[in-house]
Amino acid sequence: MSSAGLDIAAPKKKCQDDRCPFHGSIKVRGRLLTGKAVSTAGKSFVVVEMEYLHMVPKFNRGERRRSRVSAHVPPCIAVKDGASVTIGECRPLSKTISFVVVEAGRGA
């Protein structure tokens, strides 16, 4: 078991997933993002939505924008809809998944 090079404690639950950053061989490198889990309907992935403010220079105003990213969820981390999650960038795991969940917070 490793800390995956992060300042995040490893989950107490163990797993045998090779794509787990704590118990498997996936290396987390690049960006760490925080967002809200909006869909956990997939078998081993979650859709994370992040909101950010984008400035429009012409009108000197800000507008809210949203971005959605798919991320792999290891079996040792439990994620529910509406929970805040931290995801880390890793190698591409499939066509649309290049992130893995490293921490799940409380949520709805």
PDB file of N, CA and C in Angstrom:
ATOM      1  N   MET A   1       0.844  -1.175   0.000  1.00  0.00           N
ATOM      2  CA  MET A   1       0.000   0.000   0.000  1.00  0.00           C
ATOM      3  C   MET A   1       0.888   1.237   0.000  1.00  0.00           C
ATOM      4  N   SER A   2       0.510   2.230  -0.789  1.00  0.00           N
ATOM      5  CA  SER A   2       1.294   3.449  -0.871  1.00  0.00           C
ATOM      6  C   SER A   2       0.393   4.655  -0.718  1.00  0.00           C
ATOM      7  N   SER A   3       1.000   5.814  -0.546  1.00  0.00           N
ATOM      8  CA  SER A   3       0.238   7.050  -0.458  1.00  0.00           C
ATOM      9  C   SER A   3       0.048   7.659  -1.841  1.00  0.00           C
ATOM     10  N   ALA A   4       0.507   6.986  -2.883  1.00  0.00           N
ATOM     11  CA  ALA A   4       0.365   7.425  -4.270  1.00  0.00           C
ATOM     12  C   ALA A   4       1.035   8.769  -4.521  1.00  0.00           C
ATOM     13  N   GLY A   5       1.983   9.165  -3.661  1.00  0.00           N
ATOM     14  CA  GLY A   5       2.685  10.427  -3.832  1.00  0.00           C
ATOM     15  C   GLY A   5       1.838  11.636  -3.503  1.00  0.00           C
ATOM     16  N   LEU A   6       0.764  11.443  -2.746  1.00  0.00           N
ATOM     17  CA  LEU A   6      -0.156  12.524  -2.424  1.00  0.00           C
ATOM     18  C   LEU A   6      -0.161  12.782  -0.932  1.00  0.00           C
ATOM     19  N   ASP A   7      -0.654  13.950  -0.543  1.00  0.00           N
ATOM     20  CA  ASP A   7      -0.817  14.269   0.876  1.00  0.00           C
ATOM     21  C   ASP A   7      -2.205  13.864   1.349  1.00  0.00           C
ATOM     22  N   ILE A   8      -2.688  12.729   0.842  1.00  0.00           N
ATOM     23  CA  ILE A   8      -4.012  12.220   1.162  1.00  0.00           C
ATOM     24  C   ILE A   8      -3.847  10.855   1.809  1.00  0.00           C
ATOM     25  N   ALA A   9      -4.539  10.636   2.912  1.00  0.00           N
ATOM     26  CA  ALA A   9      -4.433   9.348   3.596  1.00  0.00           C
ATOM     27  C   ALA A   9      -5.091   8.253   2.764  1.00  0.00           C
ATOM     28  N   ALA A  10      -4.487   7.077   2.770  1.00  0.00           N
ATOM     29  CA  ALA A  10      -5.036   5.937   2.037  1.00  0.00           C
ATOM     30  C   ALA A  10      -6.323   5.473   2.708  1.00  0.00           C
ATOM     31  N   PRO A  11      -7.279   4.969   1.935  1.00  0.00           N
ATOM     32  CA  PRO A  11      -8.531   4.499   2.540  1.00  0.00           C
ATOM     33  C   PRO A  11      -8.304   3.280   3.421  1.00  0.00           C
ATOM     34  N   LYS A  12      -9.158   3.125   4.445  1.00  0.00           N
ATOM     35  CA  LYS A  12      -9.020   2.002   5.369  1.00  0.00           C
ATOM     36  C   LYS A  12      -9.375   0.676   4.713  1.00  0.00           C
ATOM     37  N   LYS A  13     -10.318   0.708   3.782  1.00  0.00           N
ATOM     38  CA  LYS A  13     -10.743  -0.502   3.087  1.00  0.00           C
ATOM     39  C   LYS A  13      -9.688  -0.920   2.059  1.00  0.00           C
ATOM     40  N   LYS A  14      -9.430  -2.211   1.953  1.00  0.00           N
ATOM     41  CA  LYS A  14      -8.452  -2.738   0.988  1.00  0.00           C
ATOM     42  C   LYS A  14      -9.173  -3.138  -0.294  1.00  0.00           C
ATOM     43  N   CYS A  15      -8.440  -3.166  -1.396  1.00  0.00           N
ATOM     44  CA  CYS A  15      -9.001  -3.640  -2.661  1.00  0.00           C
ATOM     45  C   CYS A  15      -7.915  -4.315  -3.489  1.00  0.00           C
ATOM     46  N   GLN A  16      -8.339  -5.065  -4.481  1.00  0.00           N
ATOM     47  CA  GLN A  16      -7.420  -5.774  -5.367  1.00  0.00           C
ATOM     48  C   GLN A  16      -7.405  -5.152  -6.762  1.00  0.00           C
ATOM     49  N   ASP A  17      -7.923  -3.945  -6.893  1.00  0.00           N
ATOM     50  CA  ASP A  17      -8.013  -3.282  -8.190  1.00  0.00           C
ATOM     51  C   ASP A  17      -6.636  -2.816  -8.641  1.00  0.00           C
ATOM     52  N   ASP A  18      -6.251  -3.183  -9.861  1.00  0.00           N
ATOM     53  CA  ASP A  18      -4.952  -2.768 -10.405  1.00  0.00           C
ATOM     54  C   ASP A  18      -4.960  -1.282 -10.770  1.00  0.00           C
ATOM     55  N   ARG A  19      -6.152  -0.697 -10.923  1.00  0.00           N
ATOM     56  CA  ARG A  19      -6.266   0.713 -11.284  1.00  0.00           C
ATOM     57  C   ARG A  19      -6.475   1.609 -10.077  1.00  0.00           C
ATOM     58  N   CYS A  20      -6.200   1.102  -8.887  1.00  0.00           N
ATOM     59  CA  CYS A  20      -6.319   1.896  -7.656  1.00  0.00           C
ATOM     60  C   CYS A  20      -4.977   2.595  -7.406  1.00  0.00           C
ATOM     61  N   PRO A  21      -4.977   3.912  -7.120  1.00  0.00           N
ATOM     62  CA  PRO A  21      -3.712   4.605  -6.881  1.00  0.00           C
ATOM     63  C   PRO A  21      -3.043   4.205  -5.560  1.00  0.00           C
ATOM     64  N   PHE A  22      -3.795   3.620  -4.629  1.00  0.00           N
ATOM     65  CA  PHE A  22      -3.244   3.245  -3.326  1.00  0.00           C
ATOM     66  C   PHE A  22      -2.842   1.779  -3.264  1.00  0.00           C
ATOM     67  N   HIS A  23      -3.612   0.881  -3.894  1.00  0.00           N
ATOM     68  CA  HIS A  23      -3.358  -0.557  -3.799  1.00  0.00           C
ATOM     69  C   HIS A  23      -2.940  -1.178  -5.127  1.00  0.00           C
ATOM     70  N   GLY A  24      -2.972  -0.401  -6.200  1.00  0.00           N
ATOM     71  CA  GLY A  24      -2.628  -0.918  -7.518  1.00  0.00           C
ATOM     72  C   GLY A  24      -1.367  -0.271  -8.069  1.00  0.00           C
ATOM     73  N   SER A  25      -1.300  -0.215  -9.388  1.00  0.00           N
ATOM     74  CA  SER A  25      -0.079   0.276 -10.026  1.00  0.00           C
ATOM     75  C   SER A  25      -0.282   1.591 -10.783  1.00  0.00           C
ATOM     76  N   ILE A  26      -1.400   2.262 -10.587  1.00  0.00           N
ATOM     77  CA  ILE A  26      -1.647   3.532 -11.276  1.00  0.00           C
ATOM     78  C   ILE A  26      -0.891   4.661 -10.583  1.00  0.00           C
ATOM     79  N   LYS A  27      -0.190   5.454 -11.370  1.00  0.00           N
ATOM     80  CA  LYS A  27       0.537   6.607 -10.846  1.00  0.00           C
ATOM     81  C   LYS A  27      -0.309   7.859 -11.085  1.00  0.00           C
ATOM     82  N   VAL A  28      -0.468   8.662 -10.052  1.00  0.00           N
ATOM     83  CA  VAL A  28      -1.198   9.926 -10.170  1.00  0.00           C
ATOM     84  C   VAL A  28      -0.176  11.009 -10.455  1.00  0.00           C
ATOM     85  N   ARG A  29      -0.344  11.674 -11.609  1.00  0.00           N
ATOM     86  CA  ARG A  29       0.560  12.761 -11.978  1.00  0.00           C
ATOM     87  C   ARG A  29      -0.266  13.816 -12.677  1.00  0.00           C
ATOM     88  N   GLY A  30       0.200  15.032 -12.660  1.00  0.00           N
ATOM     89  CA  GLY A  30      -0.538  16.103 -13.309  1.00  0.00           C
ATOM     90  C   GLY A  30      -1.445  16.826 -12.330  1.00  0.00           C
ATOM     91  N   ARG A  31      -2.666  17.087 -12.750  1.00  0.00           N
ATOM     92  CA  ARG A  31      -3.565  17.946 -11.983  1.00  0.00           C
ATOM     93  C   ARG A  31      -4.378  17.174 -10.942  1.00  0.00           C
ATOM     94  N   LEU A  32      -4.689  17.852  -9.858  1.00  0.00           N
ATOM     95  CA  LEU A  32      -5.657  17.382  -8.866  1.00  0.00           C
ATOM     96  C   LEU A  32      -6.847  18.332  -8.943  1.00  0.00           C
ATOM     97  N   LEU A  33      -8.048  17.799  -9.153  1.00  0.00           N
ATOM     98  CA  LEU A  33      -9.233  18.610  -9.298  1.00  0.00           C
ATOM     99  C   LEU A  33     -10.257  18.230  -8.233  1.00  0.00           C
ATOM    100  N   THR A  34     -11.063  19.184  -7.829  1.00  0.00           N
ATOM    101  CA  THR A  34     -12.122  18.938  -6.857  1.00  0.00           C
ATOM    102  C   THR A  34     -13.448  19.338  -7.480  1.00  0.00           C
ATOM    103  N   GLY A  35     -14.439  18.474  -7.332  1.00  0.00           N
ATOM    104  CA  GLY A  35     -15.753  18.755  -7.898  1.00  0.00           C
ATOM    105  C   GLY A  35     -16.825  17.956  -7.198  1.00  0.00           C
ATOM    106  N   LYS A  36     -18.006  17.935  -7.812  1.00  0.00           N
ATOM    107  CA  LYS A  36     -19.156  17.246  -7.243  1.00  0.00           C
ATOM    108  C   LYS A  36     -19.509  16.057  -8.123  1.00  0.00           C
ATOM    109  N   ALA A  37     -19.739  14.899  -7.520  1.00  0.00           N
ATOM    110  CA  ALA A  37     -20.132  13.707  -8.264  1.00  0.00           C
ATOM    111  C   ALA A  37     -21.590  13.852  -8.670  1.00  0.00           C
ATOM    112  N   VAL A  38     -21.852  13.907  -9.969  1.00  0.00           N
ATOM    113  CA  VAL A  38     -23.217  14.089 -10.442  1.00  0.00           C
ATOM    114  C   VAL A  38     -23.838  12.799 -10.933  1.00  0.00           C
ATOM    115  N   SER A  39     -23.028  11.808 -11.283  1.00  0.00           N
ATOM    116  CA  SER A  39     -23.574  10.543 -11.760  1.00  0.00           C
ATOM    117  C   SER A  39     -22.656   9.401 -11.339  1.00  0.00           C
ATOM    118  N   THR A  40     -23.229   8.466 -10.591  1.00  0.00           N
ATOM    119  CA  THR A  40     -22.480   7.272 -10.187  1.00  0.00           C
ATOM    120  C   THR A  40     -23.141   6.023 -10.755  1.00  0.00           C
ATOM    121  N   ALA A  41     -23.856   6.179 -11.869  1.00  0.00           N
ATOM    122  CA  ALA A  41     -24.601   5.067 -12.458  1.00  0.00           C
ATOM    123  C   ALA A  41     -23.690   4.041 -13.118  1.00  0.00           C
ATOM    124  N   GLY A  42     -22.463   4.436 -13.486  1.00  0.00           N
ATOM    125  CA  GLY A  42     -21.548   3.498 -14.129  1.00  0.00           C
ATOM    126  C   GLY A  42     -21.022   2.458 -13.149  1.00  0.00           C
ATOM    127  N   LYS A  43     -20.526   1.364 -13.683  1.00  0.00           N
ATOM    128  CA  LYS A  43     -20.054   0.268 -12.826  1.00  0.00           C
ATOM    129  C   LYS A  43     -18.818   0.662 -12.030  1.00  0.00           C
ATOM    130  N   SER A  44     -17.843   1.262 -12.683  1.00  0.00           N
ATOM    131  CA  SER A  44     -16.595   1.589 -11.983  1.00  0.00           C
ATOM    132  C   SER A  44     -16.110   3.003 -12.295  1.00  0.00           C
ATOM    133  N   PHE A  45     -17.031   3.873 -12.687  1.00  0.00           N
ATOM    134  CA  PHE A  45     -16.621   5.255 -12.920  1.00  0.00           C
ATOM    135  C   PHE A  45     -17.699   6.211 -12.445  1.00  0.00           C
ATOM    136  N   VAL A  46     -17.303   7.464 -12.319  1.00  0.00           N
ATOM    137  CA  VAL A  46     -18.192   8.515 -11.845  1.00  0.00           C
ATOM    138  C   VAL A  46     -17.991   9.740 -12.735  1.00  0.00           C
ATOM    139  N   VAL A  47     -19.040  10.542 -12.888  1.00  0.00           N
ATOM    140  CA  VAL A  47     -18.943  11.797 -13.629  1.00  0.00           C
ATOM    141  C   VAL A  47     -18.849  12.919 -12.606  1.00  0.00           C
ATOM    142  N   VAL A  48     -17.774  13.707 -12.707  1.00  0.00           N
ATOM    143  CA  VAL A  48     -17.513  14.792 -11.756  1.00  0.00           C
ATOM    144  C   VAL A  48     -17.722  16.116 -12.476  1.00  0.00           C
ATOM    145  N   GLU A  49     -18.507  17.007 -11.848  1.00  0.00           N
ATOM    146  CA  GLU A  49     -18.785  18.312 -12.433  1.00  0.00           C
ATOM    147  C   GLU A  49     -18.089  19.387 -11.612  1.00  0.00           C
ATOM    148  N   MET A  50     -17.376  20.272 -12.304  1.00  0.00           N
ATOM    149  CA  MET A  50     -16.662  21.363 -11.652  1.00  0.00           C
ATOM    150  C   MET A  50     -17.203  22.688 -12.169  1.00  0.00           C
ATOM    151  N   GLU A  51     -17.509  23.608 -11.263  1.00  0.00           N
ATOM    152  CA  GLU A  51     -17.970  24.941 -11.635  1.00  0.00           C
ATOM    153  C   GLU A  51     -16.823  25.933 -11.512  1.00  0.00           C
ATOM    154  N   TYR A  52     -16.769  26.876 -12.448  1.00  0.00           N
ATOM    155  CA  TYR A  52     -15.749  27.909 -12.382  1.00  0.00           C
ATOM    156  C   TYR A  52     -16.305  29.199 -12.946  1.00  0.00           C
ATOM    157  N   LEU A  53     -15.654  30.302 -12.658  1.00  0.00           N
ATOM    158  CA  LEU A  53     -16.085  31.618 -13.107  1.00  0.00           C
ATOM    159  C   LEU A  53     -15.221  32.036 -14.293  1.00  0.00           C
ATOM    160  N   HIS A  54     -15.868  32.440 -15.391  1.00  0.00           N
ATOM    161  CA  HIS A  54     -15.164  32.888 -16.583  1.00  0.00           C
ATOM    162  C   HIS A  54     -15.484  34.359 -16.800  1.00  0.00           C
ATOM    163  N   MET A  55     -14.442  35.170 -16.924  1.00  0.00           N
ATOM    164  CA  MET A  55     -14.643  36.603 -17.115  1.00  0.00           C
ATOM    165  C   MET A  55     -14.861  36.912 -18.592  1.00  0.00           C
ATOM    166  N   VAL A  56     -15.856  37.764 -18.882  1.00  0.00           N
ATOM    167  CA  VAL A  56     -16.127  38.232 -20.238  1.00  0.00           C
ATOM    168  C   VAL A  56     -15.622  39.670 -20.312  1.00  0.00           C
ATOM    169  N   PRO A  57     -14.495  39.900 -20.984  1.00  0.00           N
ATOM    170  CA  PRO A  57     -13.889  41.234 -20.972  1.00  0.00           C
ATOM    171  C   PRO A  57     -14.770  42.326 -21.600  1.00  0.00           C
ATOM    172  N   LYS A  58     -15.548  41.982 -22.617  1.00  0.00           N
ATOM    173  CA  LYS A  58     -16.365  42.983 -23.307  1.00  0.00           C
ATOM    174  C   LYS A  58     -17.357  43.649 -22.356  1.00  0.00           C
ATOM    175  N   PHE A  59     -17.959  42.856 -21.486  1.00  0.00           N
ATOM    176  CA  PHE A  59     -18.961  43.384 -20.563  1.00  0.00           C
ATOM    177  C   PHE A  59     -18.432  43.543 -19.143  1.00  0.00           C
ATOM    178  N   ASN A  60     -17.180  43.195 -18.919  1.00  0.00           N
ATOM    179  CA  ASN A  60     -16.538  43.292 -17.609  1.00  0.00           C
ATOM    180  C   ASN A  60     -17.367  42.573 -16.537  1.00  0.00           C
ATOM    181  N   ARG A  61     -17.832  41.392 -16.884  1.00  0.00           N
ATOM    182  CA  ARG A  61     -18.653  40.591 -15.986  1.00  0.00           C
ATOM    183  C   ARG A  61     -18.131  39.148 -15.991  1.00  0.00           C
ATOM    184  N   GLY A  62     -18.571  38.413 -14.996  1.00  0.00           N
ATOM    185  CA  GLY A  62     -18.227  36.999 -14.936  1.00  0.00           C
ATOM    186  C   GLY A  62     -19.438  36.136 -15.236  1.00  0.00           C
ATOM    187  N   GLU A  63     -19.196  34.974 -15.787  1.00  0.00           N
ATOM    188  CA  GLU A  63     -20.275  34.022 -16.027  1.00  0.00           C
ATOM    189  C   GLU A  63     -19.862  32.670 -15.466  1.00  0.00           C
ATOM    190  N   ARG A  64     -20.850  31.939 -14.953  1.00  0.00           N
ATOM    191  CA  ARG A  64     -20.571  30.619 -14.400  1.00  0.00           C
ATOM    192  C   ARG A  64     -20.531  29.606 -15.530  1.00  0.00           C
ATOM    193  N   ARG A  65     -19.531  28.748 -15.489  1.00  0.00           N
ATOM    194  CA  ARG A  65     -19.415  27.671 -16.460  1.00  0.00           C
ATOM    195  C   ARG A  65     -19.216  26.362 -15.711  1.00  0.00           C
ATOM    196  N   ARG A  66     -19.541  25.276 -16.394  1.00  0.00           N
ATOM    197  CA  ARG A  66     -19.385  23.957 -15.807  1.00  0.00           C
ATOM    198  C   ARG A  66     -18.586  23.072 -16.740  1.00  0.00           C
ATOM    199  N   SER A  67     -17.821  22.173 -16.161  1.00  0.00           N
ATOM    200  CA  SER A  67     -17.046  21.212 -16.926  1.00  0.00           C
ATOM    201  C   SER A  67     -17.263  19.847 -16.303  1.00  0.00           C
ATOM    202  N   ARG A  68     -17.435  18.826 -17.140  1.00  0.00           N
ATOM    203  CA  ARG A  68     -17.657  17.472 -16.643  1.00  0.00           C
ATOM    204  C   ARG A  68     -16.502  16.571 -17.069  1.00  0.00           C
ATOM    205  N   VAL A  69     -16.062  15.737 -16.125  1.00  0.00           N
ATOM    206  CA  VAL A  69     -14.947  14.823 -16.355  1.00  0.00           C
ATOM    207  C   VAL A  69     -15.340  13.450 -15.821  1.00  0.00           C
ATOM    208  N   SER A  70     -15.026  12.392 -16.565  1.00  0.00           N
ATOM    209  CA  SER A  70     -15.244  11.026 -16.084  1.00  0.00           C
ATOM    210  C   SER A  70     -14.002  10.558 -15.355  1.00  0.00           C
ATOM    211  N   ALA A  71     -14.203   9.833 -14.248  1.00  0.00           N
ATOM    212  CA  ALA A  71     -13.080   9.356 -13.449  1.00  0.00           C
ATOM    213  C   ALA A  71     -13.354   7.942 -12.967  1.00  0.00           C
ATOM    214  N   HIS A  72     -12.301   7.137 -12.878  1.00  0.00           N
ATOM    215  CA  HIS A  72     -12.400   5.765 -12.385  1.00  0.00           C
ATOM    216  C   HIS A  72     -12.542   5.779 -10.858  1.00  0.00           C
ATOM    217  N   VAL A  73     -13.400   4.904 -10.336  1.00  0.00           N
ATOM    218  CA  VAL A  73     -13.593   4.800  -8.884  1.00  0.00           C
ATOM    219  C   VAL A  73     -13.100   3.428  -8.425  1.00  0.00           C
ATOM    220  N   PRO A  74     -12.039   3.376  -7.615  1.00  0.00           N
ATOM    221  CA  PRO A  74     -11.594   2.091  -7.072  1.00  0.00           C
ATOM    222  C   PRO A  74     -12.621   1.543  -6.081  1.00  0.00           C
ATOM    223  N   PRO A  75     -12.676   0.227  -5.891  1.00  0.00           N
ATOM    224  CA  PRO A  75     -13.653  -0.350  -4.966  1.00  0.00           C
ATOM    225  C   PRO A  75     -13.442   0.059  -3.510  1.00  0.00           C
ATOM    226  N   CYS A  76     -12.245   0.502  -3.143  1.00  0.00           N
ATOM    227  CA  CYS A  76     -11.977   0.870  -1.748  1.00  0.00           C
ATOM    228  C   CYS A  76     -12.492   2.257  -1.395  1.00  0.00           C
ATOM    229  N   ILE A  77     -12.986   3.012  -2.384  1.00  0.00           N
ATOM    230  CA  ILE A  77     -13.513   4.356  -2.132  1.00  0.00           C
ATOM    231  C   ILE A  77     -14.998   4.361  -2.487  1.00  0.00           C
ATOM    232  N   ALA A  78     -15.837   4.737  -1.534  1.00  0.00           N
ATOM    233  CA  ALA A  78     -17.287   4.790  -1.749  1.00  0.00           C
ATOM    234  C   ALA A  78     -17.686   6.216  -2.133  1.00  0.00           C
ATOM    235  N   VAL A  79     -18.374   6.341  -3.269  1.00  0.00           N
ATOM    236  CA  VAL A  79     -18.805   7.648  -3.760  1.00  0.00           C
ATOM    237  C   VAL A  79     -20.311   7.608  -3.985  1.00  0.00           C
ATOM    238  N   LYS A  80     -21.023   8.626  -3.483  1.00  0.00           N
ATOM    239  CA  LYS A  80     -22.462   8.749  -3.695  1.00  0.00           C
ATOM    240  C   LYS A  80     -22.740   9.993  -4.524  1.00  0.00           C
ATOM    241  N   ASP A  81     -23.919  10.035  -5.143  1.00  0.00           N
ATOM    242  CA  ASP A  81     -24.328  11.215  -5.904  1.00  0.00           C
ATOM    243  C   ASP A  81     -24.339  12.445  -5.009  1.00  0.00           C
ATOM    244  N   GLY A  82     -23.794  13.548  -5.499  1.00  0.00           N
ATOM    245  CA  GLY A  82     -23.780  14.796  -4.759  1.00  0.00           C
ATOM    246  C   GLY A  82     -22.591  14.967  -3.836  1.00  0.00           C
ATOM    247  N   ALA A  83     -21.759  13.944  -3.700  1.00  0.00           N
ATOM    248  CA  ALA A  83     -20.599  14.033  -2.811  1.00  0.00           C
ATOM    249  C   ALA A  83     -19.490  14.836  -3.482  1.00  0.00           C
ATOM    250  N   SER A  84     -18.697  15.525  -2.675  1.00  0.00           N
ATOM    251  CA  SER A  84     -17.541  16.226  -3.229  1.00  0.00           C
ATOM    252  C   SER A  84     -16.384  15.227  -3.305  1.00  0.00           C
ATOM    253  N   VAL A  85     -15.706  15.206  -4.430  1.00  0.00           N
ATOM    254  CA  VAL A  85     -14.616  14.261  -4.646  1.00  0.00           C
ATOM    255  C   VAL A  85     -13.378  14.987  -5.148  1.00  0.00           C
ATOM    256  N   THR A  86     -12.230  14.405  -4.884  1.00  0.00           N
ATOM    257  CA  THR A  86     -10.960  14.887  -5.426  1.00  0.00           C
ATOM    258  C   THR A  86     -10.472  13.840  -6.405  1.00  0.00           C
ATOM    259  N   ILE A  87     -10.151  14.274  -7.617  1.00  0.00           N
ATOM    260  CA  ILE A  87      -9.674  13.348  -8.640  1.00  0.00           C
ATOM    261  C   ILE A  87      -8.276  13.756  -9.066  1.00  0.00           C
ATOM    262  N   GLY A  88      -7.475  12.764  -9.431  1.00  0.00           N
ATOM    263  CA  GLY A  88      -6.111  13.008  -9.874  1.00  0.00           C
ATOM    264  C   GLY A  88      -5.903  12.508 -11.279  1.00  0.00           C
ATOM    265  N   GLU A  89      -5.092  13.201 -12.031  1.00  0.00           N
ATOM    266  CA  GLU A  89      -4.826  12.825 -13.409  1.00  0.00           C
ATOM    267  C   GLU A  89      -3.889  11.625 -13.450  1.00  0.00           C
ATOM    268  N   CYS A  90      -4.161  10.707 -14.366  1.00  0.00           N
ATOM    269  CA  CYS A  90      -3.314   9.525 -14.541  1.00  0.00           C
ATOM    270  C   CYS A  90      -3.228   9.225 -16.036  1.00  0.00           C
ATOM    271  N   ARG A  91      -2.648   8.104 -16.367  1.00  0.00           N
ATOM    272  CA  ARG A  91      -2.585   7.721 -17.779  1.00  0.00           C
ATOM    273  C   ARG A  91      -3.993   7.431 -18.285  1.00  0.00           C
ATOM    274  N   PRO A  92      -4.232   7.466 -19.600  1.00  0.00           N
ATOM    275  CA  PRO A  92      -5.570   7.153 -20.104  1.00  0.00           C
ATOM    276  C   PRO A  92      -5.959   5.709 -19.788  1.00  0.00           C
ATOM    277  N   LEU A  93      -7.103   5.544 -19.128  1.00  0.00           N
ATOM    278  CA  LEU A  93      -7.595   4.216 -18.763  1.00  0.00           C
ATOM    279  C   LEU A  93      -8.586   3.696 -19.797  1.00  0.00           C
ATOM    280  N   SER A  94      -9.247   4.599 -20.503  1.00  0.00           N
ATOM    281  CA  SER A  94     -10.154   4.237 -21.591  1.00  0.00           C
ATOM    282  C   SER A  94     -10.262   5.457 -22.505  1.00  0.00           C
ATOM    283  N   LYS A  95     -11.220   5.419 -23.422  1.00  0.00           N
ATOM    284  CA  LYS A  95     -11.366   6.517 -24.372  1.00  0.00           C
ATOM    285  C   LYS A  95     -11.662   7.847 -23.682  1.00  0.00           C
ATOM    286  N   THR A  96     -12.471   7.821 -22.633  1.00  0.00           N
ATOM    287  CA  THR A  96     -12.883   9.064 -21.988  1.00  0.00           C
ATOM    288  C   THR A  96     -12.372   9.233 -20.566  1.00  0.00           C
ATOM    289  N   ILE A  97     -11.689   8.242 -20.009  1.00  0.00           N
ATOM    290  CA  ILE A  97     -11.273   8.299 -18.604  1.00  0.00           C
ATOM    291  C   ILE A  97      -9.762   8.449 -18.489  1.00  0.00           C
ATOM    292  N   SER A  98      -9.327   9.598 -17.934  1.00  0.00           N
ATOM    293  CA  SER A  98      -7.911   9.849 -17.662  1.00  0.00           C
ATOM    294  C   SER A  98      -7.710  10.364 -16.249  1.00  0.00           C
ATOM    295  N   PHE A  99      -8.697  10.164 -15.394  1.00  0.00           N
ATOM    296  CA  PHE A  99      -8.632  10.601 -14.004  1.00  0.00           C
ATOM    297  C   PHE A  99      -9.062   9.439 -13.108  1.00  0.00           C
ATOM    298  N   VAL A 100      -8.596   9.464 -11.856  1.00  0.00           N
ATOM    299  CA  VAL A 100      -8.989   8.455 -10.875  1.00  0.00           C
ATOM    300  C   VAL A 100      -9.350   9.174  -9.580  1.00  0.00           C
ATOM    301  N   VAL A 101     -10.383   8.676  -8.894  1.00  0.00           N
ATOM    302  CA  VAL A 101     -10.813   9.280  -7.632  1.00  0.00           C
ATOM    303  C   VAL A 101      -9.806   8.926  -6.550  1.00  0.00           C
ATOM    304  N   VAL A 102      -9.284   9.939  -5.845  1.00  0.00           N
ATOM    305  CA  VAL A 102      -8.324   9.694  -4.780  1.00  0.00           C
ATOM    306  C   VAL A 102      -8.910   9.986  -3.399  1.00  0.00           C
ATOM    307  N   GLU A 103     -10.017  10.749  -3.361  1.00  0.00           N
ATOM    308  CA  GLU A 103     -10.622  11.073  -2.070  1.00  0.00           C
ATOM    309  C   GLU A 103     -12.095  11.417  -2.298  1.00  0.00           C
ATOM    310  N   ALA A 104     -12.946  10.906  -1.426  1.00  0.00           N
ATOM    311  CA  ALA A 104     -14.364  11.209  -1.494  1.00  0.00           C
ATOM    312  C   ALA A 104     -14.798  11.848  -0.184  1.00  0.00           C
ATOM    313  N   GLY A 105     -15.489  12.967  -0.300  1.00  0.00           N
ATOM    314  CA  GLY A 105     -15.972  13.654   0.889  1.00  0.00           C
ATOM    315  C   GLY A 105     -17.421  13.342   1.149  1.00  0.00           C
ATOM    316  N   ARG A 106     -18.006  14.112   2.023  1.00  0.00           N
ATOM    317  CA  ARG A 106     -19.416  13.926   2.329  1.00  0.00           C
ATOM    318  C   ARG A 106     -20.276  14.607   1.287  1.00  0.00           C
ATOM    319  N   GLY A 107     -21.473  14.132   1.162  1.00  0.00           N
ATOM    320  CA  GLY A 107     -22.385  14.731   0.193  1.00  0.00           C
ATOM    321  C   GLY A 107     -23.811  14.325   0.457  1.00  0.00           C
ATOM    322  N   ALA A 108     -24.626  14.516  -0.554  1.00  0.00           N
ATOM    323  CA  ALA A 108     -26.059  14.227  -0.412  1.00  0.00           C
ATOM    324  C   ALA A 108     -26.334  12.752  -0.310  1.00  0.00           C
TER     325      ALA A 108
END
